[in-house]
Amino acid sequence: MIVIDIDKAKAITKDRLRAERAPLLAALDVQFQRALESGADTSAIVAEKNRLRDITKLADAATTLDELRAITVES
């Protein structure tokens, strides 16, 4: 019988999400800097960066493997 360690699965999912969000956060950093330089509103960029930072918290709330698989960095 195969036994799934949900805590280990959560850790793996968090690592996957961190890897997926890294280039997105880098691109948002560039957008944020350009917005600051031009005096544009940065609130949408900040909100998206916060959403990406908080995405790993969704893994903590998951209780099944299907829930963990469903978590993606795409909005």
C-alpha atoms as a PDB file:
ATOM      1  CA  MET A   1       0.000   0.000   0.000  1.00  0.00           C
ATOM      2  CA  ILE A   2       1.274   3.439  -0.919  1.00  0.00           C
ATOM      3  CA  VAL A   3       1.128   6.002   1.861  1.00  0.00           C
ATOM      4  CA  ILE A   4       1.348   9.681   0.985  1.00  0.00           C
ATOM      5  CA  ASP A   5       3.078  12.001   3.432  1.00  0.00           C
ATOM      6  CA  ILE A   6       0.936  15.139   3.038  1.00  0.00           C
ATOM      7  CA  ASP A   7       3.480  17.317   4.835  1.00  0.00           C
ATOM      8  CA  LYS A   8       6.192  16.249   2.404  1.00  0.00           C
ATOM      9  CA  ALA A   9       3.793  16.826  -0.507  1.00  0.00           C
ATOM     10  CA  LYS A  10       3.104  20.333   0.811  1.00  0.00           C
ATOM     11  CA  ALA A  11       6.836  21.055   0.991  1.00  0.00           C
ATOM     12  CA  ILE A  12       7.330  19.812  -2.567  1.00  0.00           C
ATOM     13  CA  THR A  13       4.419  21.951  -3.763  1.00  0.00           C
ATOM     14  CA  LYS A  14       5.847  25.028  -2.035  1.00  0.00           C
ATOM     15  CA  ASP A  15       9.214  24.434  -3.724  1.00  0.00           C
ATOM     16  CA  ARG A  16       7.472  24.109  -7.099  1.00  0.00           C
ATOM     17  CA  LEU A  17       5.518  27.313  -6.553  1.00  0.00           C
ATOM     18  CA  ARG A  18       8.639  29.202  -5.496  1.00  0.00           C
ATOM     19  CA  ALA A  19      10.427  28.096  -8.660  1.00  0.00           C
ATOM     20  CA  GLU A  20       7.451  29.058 -10.838  1.00  0.00           C
ATOM     21  CA  ARG A  21       7.012  32.487  -9.265  1.00  0.00           C
ATOM     22  CA  ALA A  22      10.678  33.537  -9.305  1.00  0.00           C
ATOM     23  CA  PRO A  23      10.752  34.794 -12.923  1.00  0.00           C
ATOM     24  CA  LEU A  24       7.346  36.438 -12.470  1.00  0.00           C
ATOM     25  CA  LEU A  25       8.543  38.354  -9.421  1.00  0.00           C
ATOM     26  CA  ALA A  26      11.680  39.424 -11.291  1.00  0.00           C
ATOM     27  CA  ALA A  27       9.578  40.784 -14.147  1.00  0.00           C
ATOM     28  CA  LEU A  28       7.320  42.592 -11.679  1.00  0.00           C
ATOM     29  CA  ASP A  29      10.377  44.166 -10.050  1.00  0.00           C
ATOM     30  CA  VAL A  30      11.313  45.667 -13.416  1.00  0.00           C
ATOM     31  CA  GLN A  31       7.745  46.901 -13.966  1.00  0.00           C
ATOM     32  CA  PHE A  32       7.686  48.391 -10.480  1.00  0.00           C
ATOM     33  CA  GLN A  33      10.971  50.241 -11.008  1.00  0.00           C
ATOM     34  CA  ARG A  34       9.785  51.611 -14.355  1.00  0.00           C
ATOM     35  CA  ALA A  35       6.502  52.722 -12.805  1.00  0.00           C
ATOM     36  CA  LEU A  36       8.368  54.513 -10.027  1.00  0.00           C
ATOM     37  CA  GLU A  37      10.630  56.248 -12.519  1.00  0.00           C
ATOM     38  CA  SER A  38       7.685  57.461 -14.572  1.00  0.00           C
ATOM     39  CA  GLY A  39       5.511  58.355 -11.573  1.00  0.00           C
ATOM     40  CA  ALA A  40       2.834  55.808 -12.524  1.00  0.00           C
ATOM     41  CA  ASP A  41       0.573  54.015 -10.070  1.00  0.00           C
ATOM     42  CA  THR A  42       2.247  50.939  -8.574  1.00  0.00           C
ATOM     43  CA  SER A  43      -0.670  49.545  -6.571  1.00  0.00           C
ATOM     44  CA  ALA A  44      -1.562  46.803  -9.082  1.00  0.00           C
ATOM     45  CA  ILE A  45       2.068  45.684  -9.282  1.00  0.00           C
ATOM     46  CA  VAL A  46       2.373  45.603  -5.497  1.00  0.00           C
ATOM     47  CA  ALA A  47      -0.869  43.625  -5.188  1.00  0.00           C
ATOM     48  CA  GLU A  48       0.342  41.026  -7.699  1.00  0.00           C
ATOM     49  CA  LYS A  49       3.723  40.722  -5.966  1.00  0.00           C
ATOM     50  CA  ASN A  50       1.950  40.154  -2.652  1.00  0.00           C
ATOM     51  CA  ARG A  51      -0.326  37.534  -4.223  1.00  0.00           C
ATOM     52  CA  LEU A  52       2.696  35.684  -5.580  1.00  0.00           C
ATOM     53  CA  ARG A  53       4.497  35.874  -2.239  1.00  0.00           C
ATOM     54  CA  ASP A  54       1.444  34.518  -0.415  1.00  0.00           C
ATOM     55  CA  ILE A  55       0.778  31.669  -2.868  1.00  0.00           C
ATOM     56  CA  THR A  56       2.694  29.175  -0.744  1.00  0.00           C
ATOM     57  CA  LYS A  57       0.190  29.709   2.067  1.00  0.00           C
ATOM     58  CA  LEU A  58      -2.406  27.970  -0.104  1.00  0.00           C
ATOM     59  CA  ALA A  59      -0.374  24.767   0.188  1.00  0.00           C
ATOM     60  CA  ASP A  60      -0.666  24.925   3.972  1.00  0.00           C
ATOM     61  CA  ALA A  61      -4.446  24.994   3.704  1.00  0.00           C
ATOM     62  CA  ALA A  62      -4.647  22.071   1.268  1.00  0.00           C
ATOM     63  CA  THR A  63      -5.727  18.692   2.635  1.00  0.00           C
ATOM     64  CA  THR A  64      -5.472  16.464  -0.456  1.00  0.00           C
ATOM     65  CA  LEU A  65      -3.028  15.856  -3.278  1.00  0.00           C
ATOM     66  CA  ASP A  66      -5.593  17.073  -5.800  1.00  0.00           C
ATOM     67  CA  GLU A  67      -5.829  20.396  -3.962  1.00  0.00           C
ATOM     68  CA  LEU A  68      -2.037  20.703  -3.995  1.00  0.00           C
ATOM     69  CA  ARG A  69      -1.878  19.920  -7.718  1.00  0.00           C
ATOM     70  CA  ALA A  70      -4.504  22.573  -8.428  1.00  0.00           C
ATOM     71  CA  ILE A  71      -2.445  25.390  -6.913  1.00  0.00           C
ATOM     72  CA  THR A  72      -0.646  27.378  -9.614  1.00  0.00           C
ATOM     73  CA  VAL A  73       0.957  30.786  -9.806  1.00  0.00           C
ATOM     74  CA  GLU A  74      -1.368  31.773 -12.639  1.00  0.00           C
ATOM     75  CA  SER A  75      -4.234  33.933 -11.474  1.00  0.00           C
END
